[in-house]
């Protein structure tokens, strides 16, 4: 993956970034820039802006002065919070308690990013939805299935970190499999909350998301890129992805009984 800024229309820009594991393997990451109906902007997640991408973002946002908020959506995506907060000093900074703990020196808003209060603040332009039945912040540092998703109805774009992924297609297979396959994060069974009814709550949330995003055009996934969908296609593939992992979730719930 290489750094890029892609305009998806209707006030949504996807920032595709680099994230190297051990300084070698580039698994990619993302942020997004959303123009609100007020004319101001919101950043979804934190990624350091450099070169041409930085110039374009600053030109769009009156040199950053029009960015009103930074919403850090994934509790385990904390590497670049300080850099982006410095780039947009006038923006309100939102995050989970894990963001607060990792960066106690930053001027965080008191409302957790996943709270209903924050969802209400941006409800005119964004639908922020937290999966039910799985841990948002897992006690296991390797379980990253939980994240706060941001749906932008105007551009029909869903910004999601880790919870929903795209399986990259090797170049040799692209004639046979032209589109990346949708899948749910493999650590999902370990993220399932240890209480009765957790699986049913997650199932209901996922089906609600599929209905809410039935006309989705773009999926922006953190580590696996972007994909364009025809109306109804994403909802069908999301339900199919759930069916593939449902037996593992059911076994995880049975072990907790």
C-alpha atoms as a PDB file:
ATOM      1  CA  UNK A   1       0.000   0.000   0.000  1.00  0.00           C
ATOM      2  CA  UNK A   2       1.193   3.515  -0.756  1.00  0.00           C
ATOM      3  CA  UNK A   3      -0.009   6.798   0.692  1.00  0.00           C
ATOM      4  CA  UNK A   4      -2.904   8.362  -1.204  1.00  0.00           C
ATOM      5  CA  UNK A   5      -5.830  10.750  -0.824  1.00  0.00           C
ATOM      6  CA  UNK A   6      -8.941   9.639  -2.698  1.00  0.00           C
ATOM      7  CA  UNK A   7     -11.996  11.827  -3.086  1.00  0.00           C
ATOM      8  CA  UNK A   8     -15.135   9.676  -3.004  1.00  0.00           C
ATOM      9  CA  UNK A   9     -17.561  12.531  -3.565  1.00  0.00           C
ATOM     10  CA  UNK A  10     -20.197  14.267  -1.458  1.00  0.00           C
ATOM     11  CA  UNK A  11     -17.631  15.558   1.030  1.00  0.00           C
ATOM     12  CA  UNK A  12     -15.687  12.364   1.796  1.00  0.00           C
ATOM     13  CA  UNK A  13     -11.946  11.822   1.285  1.00  0.00           C
ATOM     14  CA  UNK A  14     -10.168   8.570   2.161  1.00  0.00           C
ATOM     15  CA  UNK A  15      -6.546   8.827   3.300  1.00  0.00           C
ATOM     16  CA  UNK A  16      -4.701   5.592   2.601  1.00  0.00           C
ATOM     17  CA  UNK A  17      -1.555   5.226   4.685  1.00  0.00           C
ATOM     18  CA  UNK A  18       1.421   3.028   5.447  1.00  0.00           C
ATOM     19  CA  UNK A  19       1.894   1.006   8.633  1.00  0.00           C
ATOM     20  CA  UNK A  20       4.968  -1.203   8.782  1.00  0.00           C
ATOM     21  CA  UNK A  21       5.182  -4.064  11.258  1.00  0.00           C
ATOM     22  CA  UNK A  22       8.719  -4.410  12.514  1.00  0.00           C
ATOM     23  CA  UNK A  23       9.695  -1.735  10.033  1.00  0.00           C
ATOM     24  CA  UNK A  24       9.274  -4.195   7.145  1.00  0.00           C
ATOM     25  CA  UNK A  25       5.768  -5.605   6.474  1.00  0.00           C
ATOM     26  CA  UNK A  26       3.423  -2.854   5.311  1.00  0.00           C
ATOM     27  CA  UNK A  27      -0.102  -3.744   6.484  1.00  0.00           C
ATOM     28  CA  UNK A  28      -1.492  -0.307   5.672  1.00  0.00           C
ATOM     29  CA  UNK A  29      -3.778   1.943   7.672  1.00  0.00           C
ATOM     30  CA  UNK A  30      -6.235   4.764   7.058  1.00  0.00           C
ATOM     31  CA  UNK A  31      -7.903   7.974   8.086  1.00  0.00           C
ATOM     32  CA  UNK A  32     -10.728   9.906   6.444  1.00  0.00           C
ATOM     33  CA  UNK A  33     -11.678  13.540   6.028  1.00  0.00           C
ATOM     34  CA  UNK A  34     -15.377  14.416   6.036  1.00  0.00           C
ATOM     35  CA  UNK A  35     -16.906  17.775   5.151  1.00  0.00           C
ATOM     36  CA  UNK A  36     -19.914  18.412   7.371  1.00  0.00           C
ATOM     37  CA  UNK A  37     -23.080  20.134   6.209  1.00  0.00           C
ATOM     38  CA  UNK A  38     -21.913  23.141   8.251  1.00  0.00           C
ATOM     39  CA  UNK A  39     -18.889  23.476   5.958  1.00  0.00           C
ATOM     40  CA  UNK A  40     -16.465  22.400   8.675  1.00  0.00           C
ATOM     41  CA  UNK A  41     -14.510  19.144   8.607  1.00  0.00           C
ATOM     42  CA  UNK A  42     -13.997  16.083  10.794  1.00  0.00           C
ATOM     43  CA  UNK A  43     -11.047  13.694  10.719  1.00  0.00           C
ATOM     44  CA  UNK A  44     -11.850  10.031  11.261  1.00  0.00           C
ATOM     45  CA  UNK A  45      -8.814   8.412  12.929  1.00  0.00           C
ATOM     46  CA  UNK A  46      -5.287   9.804  13.074  1.00  0.00           C
ATOM     47  CA  UNK A  47      -2.643   9.480  10.393  1.00  0.00           C
ATOM     48  CA  UNK A  48       0.369  11.789   9.883  1.00  0.00           C
ATOM     49  CA  UNK A  49      -0.080  14.028   6.851  1.00  0.00           C
ATOM     50  CA  UNK A  50       2.959  14.513   4.630  1.00  0.00           C
ATOM     51  CA  UNK A  51       3.893  15.988   1.283  1.00  0.00           C
ATOM     52  CA  UNK A  52       1.191  16.360  -1.365  1.00  0.00           C
ATOM     53  CA  UNK A  53      -1.483  14.758   0.839  1.00  0.00           C
ATOM     54  CA  UNK A  54      -0.840  17.279   3.580  1.00  0.00           C
ATOM     55  CA  UNK A  55      -0.893  20.158   1.081  1.00  0.00           C
ATOM     56  CA  UNK A  56      -4.242  19.025  -0.339  1.00  0.00           C
ATOM     57  CA  UNK A  57      -5.839  18.516   3.079  1.00  0.00           C
ATOM     58  CA  UNK A  58      -4.641  21.896   4.309  1.00  0.00           C
ATOM     59  CA  UNK A  59      -5.924  23.588   1.152  1.00  0.00           C
ATOM     60  CA  UNK A  60      -9.343  21.992   1.634  1.00  0.00           C
ATOM     61  CA  UNK A  61      -9.549  22.942   5.321  1.00  0.00           C
ATOM     62  CA  UNK A  62      -8.296  26.554   5.379  1.00  0.00           C
ATOM     63  CA  UNK A  63      -4.873  25.385   6.565  1.00  0.00           C
ATOM     64  CA  UNK A  64      -6.498  23.113   9.142  1.00  0.00           C
ATOM     65  CA  UNK A  65      -8.619  25.821  10.751  1.00  0.00           C
ATOM     66  CA  UNK A  66     -11.856  24.307   9.400  1.00  0.00           C
ATOM     67  CA  UNK A  67     -11.211  20.922  11.052  1.00  0.00           C
ATOM     68  CA  UNK A  68     -13.560  20.988  14.030  1.00  0.00           C
ATOM     69  CA  UNK A  69     -12.965  17.494  15.460  1.00  0.00           C
ATOM     70  CA  UNK A  70     -10.746  14.424  15.320  1.00  0.00           C
ATOM     71  CA  UNK A  71     -12.570  11.179  16.074  1.00  0.00           C
ATOM     72  CA  UNK A  72     -10.174   8.358  16.990  1.00  0.00           C
ATOM     73  CA  UNK A  73     -12.436   5.370  16.407  1.00  0.00           C
ATOM     74  CA  UNK A  74     -10.322   2.290  17.141  1.00  0.00           C
ATOM     75  CA  UNK A  75      -9.003   1.926  20.709  1.00  0.00           C
ATOM     76  CA  UNK A  76      -5.862   0.128  19.510  1.00  0.00           C
ATOM     77  CA  UNK A  77      -4.989   2.668  16.787  1.00  0.00           C
ATOM     78  CA  UNK A  78      -3.022   5.112  18.920  1.00  0.00           C
ATOM     79  CA  UNK A  79       0.312   5.654  17.167  1.00  0.00           C
ATOM     80  CA  UNK A  80      -0.420   8.974  15.479  1.00  0.00           C
ATOM     81  CA  UNK A  81      -2.752  10.796  17.871  1.00  0.00           C
ATOM     82  CA  UNK A  82      -0.129  13.323  18.953  1.00  0.00           C
ATOM     83  CA  UNK A  83       0.930  14.216  15.399  1.00  0.00           C
ATOM     84  CA  UNK A  84      -2.609  14.833  14.166  1.00  0.00           C
ATOM     85  CA  UNK A  85      -3.591  16.759  17.299  1.00  0.00           C
ATOM     86  CA  UNK A  86      -0.614  19.011  16.611  1.00  0.00           C
ATOM     87  CA  UNK A  87      -1.635  19.455  12.951  1.00  0.00           C
ATOM     88  CA  UNK A  88      -5.129  20.602  13.967  1.00  0.00           C
ATOM     89  CA  UNK A  89      -4.740  22.422  17.297  1.00  0.00           C
ATOM     90  CA  UNK A  90      -8.192  23.995  17.110  1.00  0.00           C
ATOM     91  CA  UNK A  91     -10.009  20.668  16.701  1.00  0.00           C
ATOM     92  CA  UNK A  92     -11.788  18.880  19.533  1.00  0.00           C
ATOM     93  CA  UNK A  93      -9.988  15.606  20.208  1.00  0.00           C
ATOM     94  CA  UNK A  94     -12.113  12.517  20.871  1.00  0.00           C
ATOM     95  CA  UNK A  95     -10.972   9.023  21.788  1.00  0.00           C
ATOM     96  CA  UNK A  96     -11.647   5.965  23.937  1.00  0.00           C
ATOM     97  CA  UNK A  97     -10.291   5.595  27.456  1.00  0.00           C
ATOM     98  CA  UNK A  98      -7.405   3.603  25.959  1.00  0.00           C
ATOM     99  CA  UNK A  99      -6.468   6.617  23.833  1.00  0.00           C
ATOM    100  CA  UNK A 100      -6.596   8.752  26.985  1.00  0.00           C
ATOM    101  CA  UNK A 101      -4.353   6.277  28.821  1.00  0.00           C
ATOM    102  CA  UNK A 102      -1.829   6.078  25.985  1.00  0.00           C
ATOM    103  CA  UNK A 103      -1.664   9.855  25.516  1.00  0.00           C
ATOM    104  CA  UNK A 104      -2.519  11.479  28.857  1.00  0.00           C
ATOM    105  CA  UNK A 105      -0.767  14.695  27.803  1.00  0.00           C
ATOM    106  CA  UNK A 106      -3.289  15.473  25.035  1.00  0.00           C
ATOM    107  CA  UNK A 107      -6.350  17.668  25.570  1.00  0.00           C
ATOM    108  CA  UNK A 108      -9.060  15.037  25.190  1.00  0.00           C
ATOM    109  CA  UNK A 109     -12.757  15.802  25.283  1.00  0.00           C
ATOM    110  CA  UNK A 110     -14.360  14.264  28.355  1.00  0.00           C
ATOM    111  CA  UNK A 111     -16.972  12.345  26.323  1.00  0.00           C
ATOM    112  CA  UNK A 112     -15.664   8.942  25.126  1.00  0.00           C
ATOM    113  CA  UNK A 113     -15.724   8.729  21.338  1.00  0.00           C
ATOM    114  CA  UNK A 114     -18.022   5.675  21.514  1.00  0.00           C
ATOM    115  CA  UNK A 115     -20.594   7.419  23.730  1.00  0.00           C
ATOM    116  CA  UNK A 116     -24.141   8.327  22.620  1.00  0.00           C
ATOM    117  CA  UNK A 117     -23.300  11.969  23.363  1.00  0.00           C
ATOM    118  CA  UNK A 118     -20.625  12.030  20.649  1.00  0.00           C
ATOM    119  CA  UNK A 119     -22.888  10.183  18.205  1.00  0.00           C
ATOM    120  CA  UNK A 120     -25.510  12.879  18.758  1.00  0.00           C
ATOM    121  CA  UNK A 121     -22.982  15.678  18.133  1.00  0.00           C
ATOM    122  CA  UNK A 122     -22.340  14.463  14.590  1.00  0.00           C
ATOM    123  CA  UNK A 123     -25.661  12.781  13.785  1.00  0.00           C
ATOM    124  CA  UNK A 124     -26.549  15.304  11.100  1.00  0.00           C
ATOM    125  CA  UNK A 125     -23.759  13.957   8.888  1.00  0.00           C
ATOM    126  CA  UNK A 126     -22.435  10.704  10.363  1.00  0.00           C
ATOM    127  CA  UNK A 127     -23.883   7.567  11.906  1.00  0.00           C
ATOM    128  CA  UNK A 128     -21.461   6.258  14.532  1.00  0.00           C
ATOM    129  CA  UNK A 129     -22.255   2.679  15.433  1.00  0.00           C
ATOM    130  CA  UNK A 130     -20.606   0.482  18.074  1.00  0.00           C
ATOM    131  CA  UNK A 131     -20.941  -3.299  17.649  1.00  0.00           C
ATOM    132  CA  UNK A 132     -23.012  -4.901  20.381  1.00  0.00           C
ATOM    133  CA  UNK A 133     -22.056  -8.202  21.989  1.00  0.00           C
ATOM    134  CA  UNK A 134     -18.295  -7.891  21.472  1.00  0.00           C
ATOM    135  CA  UNK A 135     -15.678  -6.012  23.471  1.00  0.00           C
ATOM    136  CA  UNK A 136     -14.783  -2.549  22.211  1.00  0.00           C
ATOM    137  CA  UNK A 137     -11.585  -2.553  24.272  1.00  0.00           C
ATOM    138  CA  UNK A 138     -10.516  -6.126  24.869  1.00  0.00           C
ATOM    139  CA  UNK A 139      -8.379  -7.036  27.858  1.00  0.00           C
ATOM    140  CA  UNK A 140      -6.326  -9.099  25.399  1.00  0.00           C
ATOM    141  CA  UNK A 141      -4.036  -6.680  23.554  1.00  0.00           C
ATOM    142  CA  UNK A 142      -4.069  -8.942  20.491  1.00  0.00           C
ATOM    143  CA  UNK A 143      -7.860  -8.839  20.060  1.00  0.00           C
ATOM    144  CA  UNK A 144      -8.710  -5.880  17.823  1.00  0.00           C
ATOM    145  CA  UNK A 145     -12.123  -6.939  16.509  1.00  0.00           C
ATOM    146  CA  UNK A 146     -13.999  -4.139  18.254  1.00  0.00           C
ATOM    147  CA  UNK A 147     -14.102  -0.661  16.741  1.00  0.00           C
ATOM    148  CA  UNK A 148     -16.469   2.257  16.277  1.00  0.00           C
ATOM    149  CA  UNK A 149     -17.758   2.384  12.701  1.00  0.00           C
ATOM    150  CA  UNK A 150     -18.630   5.615  10.870  1.00  0.00           C
ATOM    151  CA  UNK A 151     -21.315   5.592   8.152  1.00  0.00           C
ATOM    152  CA  UNK A 152     -21.505   8.666   5.907  1.00  0.00           C
ATOM    153  CA  UNK A 153     -24.877   8.524   4.141  1.00  0.00           C
ATOM    154  CA  UNK A 154     -24.167  11.415   1.773  1.00  0.00           C
ATOM    155  CA  UNK A 155     -21.328   9.539   0.036  1.00  0.00           C
ATOM    156  CA  UNK A 156     -22.663   6.080   0.969  1.00  0.00           C
ATOM    157  CA  UNK A 157     -19.280   5.302   2.528  1.00  0.00           C
ATOM    158  CA  UNK A 158     -18.514   3.148   5.574  1.00  0.00           C
ATOM    159  CA  UNK A 159     -15.232   3.796   7.402  1.00  0.00           C
ATOM    160  CA  UNK A 160     -14.263   0.801   9.540  1.00  0.00           C
ATOM    161  CA  UNK A 161     -11.107  -0.278  11.364  1.00  0.00           C
ATOM    162  CA  UNK A 162     -10.529  -4.037  11.788  1.00  0.00           C
ATOM    163  CA  UNK A 163     -14.105  -5.176  12.553  1.00  0.00           C
ATOM    164  CA  UNK A 164     -14.832  -5.649   8.837  1.00  0.00           C
ATOM    165  CA  UNK A 165     -11.998  -6.435   6.438  1.00  0.00           C
ATOM    166  CA  UNK A 166     -11.252  -7.102   2.787  1.00  0.00           C
ATOM    167  CA  UNK A 167      -9.198 -10.125   1.765  1.00  0.00           C
ATOM    168  CA  UNK A 168      -6.553  -8.917  -0.719  1.00  0.00           C
ATOM    169  CA  UNK A 169      -6.539 -10.746  -4.042  1.00  0.00           C
ATOM    170  CA  UNK A 170      -3.064 -11.799  -5.308  1.00  0.00           C
ATOM    171  CA  UNK A 171      -2.320 -10.317  -8.723  1.00  0.00           C
ATOM    172  CA  UNK A 172      -2.125 -13.779 -10.296  1.00  0.00           C
ATOM    173  CA  UNK A 173      -5.750 -14.496  -9.318  1.00  0.00           C
ATOM    174  CA  UNK A 174      -7.377 -11.185 -10.193  1.00  0.00           C
ATOM    175  CA  UNK A 175      -8.859 -12.478 -13.443  1.00  0.00           C
ATOM    176  CA  UNK A 176     -10.660 -15.206 -11.518  1.00  0.00           C
ATOM    177  CA  UNK A 177     -11.357 -13.241  -8.318  1.00  0.00           C
ATOM    178  CA  UNK A 178     -11.510  -9.572  -9.317  1.00  0.00           C
ATOM    179  CA  UNK A 179     -12.913  -8.300  -6.012  1.00  0.00           C
ATOM    180  CA  UNK A 180     -11.469  -8.591  -2.496  1.00  0.00           C
ATOM    181  CA  UNK A 181     -13.618 -10.834  -0.302  1.00  0.00           C
ATOM    182  CA  UNK A 182     -15.370  -9.383   2.729  1.00  0.00           C
ATOM    183  CA  UNK A 183     -14.648 -11.012   6.090  1.00  0.00           C
ATOM    184  CA  UNK A 184     -15.005 -10.293   9.803  1.00  0.00           C
ATOM    185  CA  UNK A 185     -11.925  -9.936  11.943  1.00  0.00           C
ATOM    186  CA  UNK A 186     -10.476 -13.369  12.846  1.00  0.00           C
ATOM    187  CA  UNK A 187     -10.209 -12.435  16.545  1.00  0.00           C
ATOM    188  CA  UNK A 188     -13.995 -11.924  16.711  1.00  0.00           C
ATOM    189  CA  UNK A 189     -14.662 -15.149  18.711  1.00  0.00           C
ATOM    190  CA  UNK A 190     -12.230 -13.957  21.409  1.00  0.00           C
ATOM    191  CA  UNK A 191     -13.900 -10.539  21.454  1.00  0.00           C
ATOM    192  CA  UNK A 192     -17.347 -12.030  22.136  1.00  0.00           C
ATOM    193  CA  UNK A 193     -18.505 -10.837  25.539  1.00  0.00           C
ATOM    194  CA  UNK A 194     -18.712 -13.498  28.227  1.00  0.00           C
ATOM    195  CA  UNK A 195     -22.404 -13.263  29.034  1.00  0.00           C
ATOM    196  CA  UNK A 196     -25.640 -14.873  27.843  1.00  0.00           C
ATOM    197  CA  UNK A 197     -27.099 -13.378  24.690  1.00  0.00           C
ATOM    198  CA  UNK A 198     -23.876 -11.762  23.442  1.00  0.00           C
ATOM    199  CA  UNK A 199     -23.925 -13.631  20.133  1.00  0.00           C
ATOM    200  CA  UNK A 200     -27.558 -12.759  19.505  1.00  0.00           C
ATOM    201  CA  UNK A 201     -26.801  -9.089  20.206  1.00  0.00           C
ATOM    202  CA  UNK A 202     -23.898  -9.108  17.767  1.00  0.00           C
ATOM    203  CA  UNK A 203     -26.016 -10.877  15.136  1.00  0.00           C
ATOM    204  CA  UNK A 204     -28.803  -8.288  15.525  1.00  0.00           C
ATOM    205  CA  UNK A 205     -26.310  -5.408  15.315  1.00  0.00           C
ATOM    206  CA  UNK A 206     -24.727  -6.799  12.157  1.00  0.00           C
ATOM    207  CA  UNK A 207     -28.071  -7.311  10.434  1.00  0.00           C
ATOM    208  CA  UNK A 208     -29.097  -3.790  11.443  1.00  0.00           C
ATOM    209  CA  UNK A 209     -25.856  -2.453   9.931  1.00  0.00           C
ATOM    210  CA  UNK A 210     -26.528  -4.386   6.717  1.00  0.00           C
ATOM    211  CA  UNK A 211     -29.989  -2.836   6.483  1.00  0.00           C
ATOM    212  CA  UNK A 212     -28.725   0.654   7.314  1.00  0.00           C
ATOM    213  CA  UNK A 213     -25.999   0.497   4.647  1.00  0.00           C
ATOM    214  CA  UNK A 214     -28.037  -1.272   1.972  1.00  0.00           C
ATOM    215  CA  UNK A 215     -27.098   1.335  -0.640  1.00  0.00           C
ATOM    216  CA  UNK A 216     -23.406   1.428   0.346  1.00  0.00           C
ATOM    217  CA  UNK A 217     -21.037   2.397  -2.436  1.00  0.00           C
ATOM    218  CA  UNK A 218     -17.617   2.463  -0.735  1.00  0.00           C
ATOM    219  CA  UNK A 219     -16.094   0.419   2.071  1.00  0.00           C
ATOM    220  CA  UNK A 220     -12.914   1.919   3.547  1.00  0.00           C
ATOM    221  CA  UNK A 221     -11.139  -0.698   5.665  1.00  0.00           C
ATOM    222  CA  UNK A 222      -8.059   0.105   7.727  1.00  0.00           C
ATOM    223  CA  UNK A 223      -5.509  -2.534   6.779  1.00  0.00           C
ATOM    224  CA  UNK A 224      -6.983  -3.983   3.619  1.00  0.00           C
ATOM    225  CA  UNK A 225      -7.867  -1.084   1.351  1.00  0.00           C
ATOM    226  CA  UNK A 226     -11.080   0.030  -0.306  1.00  0.00           C
ATOM    227  CA  UNK A 227     -13.753  -1.534  -2.438  1.00  0.00           C
ATOM    228  CA  UNK A 228     -16.684  -0.194  -4.423  1.00  0.00           C
ATOM    229  CA  UNK A 229     -20.040  -2.014  -4.204  1.00  0.00           C
ATOM    230  CA  UNK A 230     -23.255  -1.986  -6.185  1.00  0.00           C
ATOM    231  CA  UNK A 231     -26.420  -1.173  -4.185  1.00  0.00           C
ATOM    232  CA  UNK A 232     -27.368  -4.152  -2.014  1.00  0.00           C
ATOM    233  CA  UNK A 233     -24.143  -6.017  -2.668  1.00  0.00           C
ATOM    234  CA  UNK A 234     -22.395  -5.033   0.555  1.00  0.00           C
ATOM    235  CA  UNK A 235     -25.348  -6.053   2.718  1.00  0.00           C
ATOM    236  CA  UNK A 236     -25.469  -9.492   1.108  1.00  0.00           C
ATOM    237  CA  UNK A 237     -21.721 -10.034   1.471  1.00  0.00           C
ATOM    238  CA  UNK A 238     -21.718  -8.812   5.069  1.00  0.00           C
ATOM    239  CA  UNK A 239     -24.401 -11.329   6.024  1.00  0.00           C
ATOM    240  CA  UNK A 240     -22.448 -14.052   4.194  1.00  0.00           C
ATOM    241  CA  UNK A 241     -19.284 -13.099   6.100  1.00  0.00           C
ATOM    242  CA  UNK A 242     -21.192 -13.437   9.349  1.00  0.00           C
ATOM    243  CA  UNK A 243     -22.510 -16.861   8.373  1.00  0.00           C
ATOM    244  CA  UNK A 244     -18.947 -18.065   7.763  1.00  0.00           C
ATOM    245  CA  UNK A 245     -17.761 -17.048  11.243  1.00  0.00           C
ATOM    246  CA  UNK A 246     -21.000 -17.777  13.119  1.00  0.00           C
ATOM    247  CA  UNK A 247     -20.069 -21.401  14.012  1.00  0.00           C
ATOM    248  CA  UNK A 248     -16.868 -20.185  15.691  1.00  0.00           C
ATOM    249  CA  UNK A 249     -18.824 -17.532  17.586  1.00  0.00           C
ATOM    250  CA  UNK A 250     -21.366 -20.135  18.669  1.00  0.00           C
ATOM    251  CA  UNK A 251     -18.594 -22.403  19.960  1.00  0.00           C
ATOM    252  CA  UNK A 252     -17.041 -19.470  21.843  1.00  0.00           C
ATOM    253  CA  UNK A 253     -20.399 -18.713  23.460  1.00  0.00           C
ATOM    254  CA  UNK A 254     -20.927 -22.398  24.354  1.00  0.00           C
ATOM    255  CA  UNK A 255     -17.574 -22.545  26.118  1.00  0.00           C
ATOM    256  CA  UNK A 256     -18.666 -19.636  28.298  1.00  0.00           C
ATOM    257  CA  UNK A 257     -21.948 -21.265  29.321  1.00  0.00           C
END
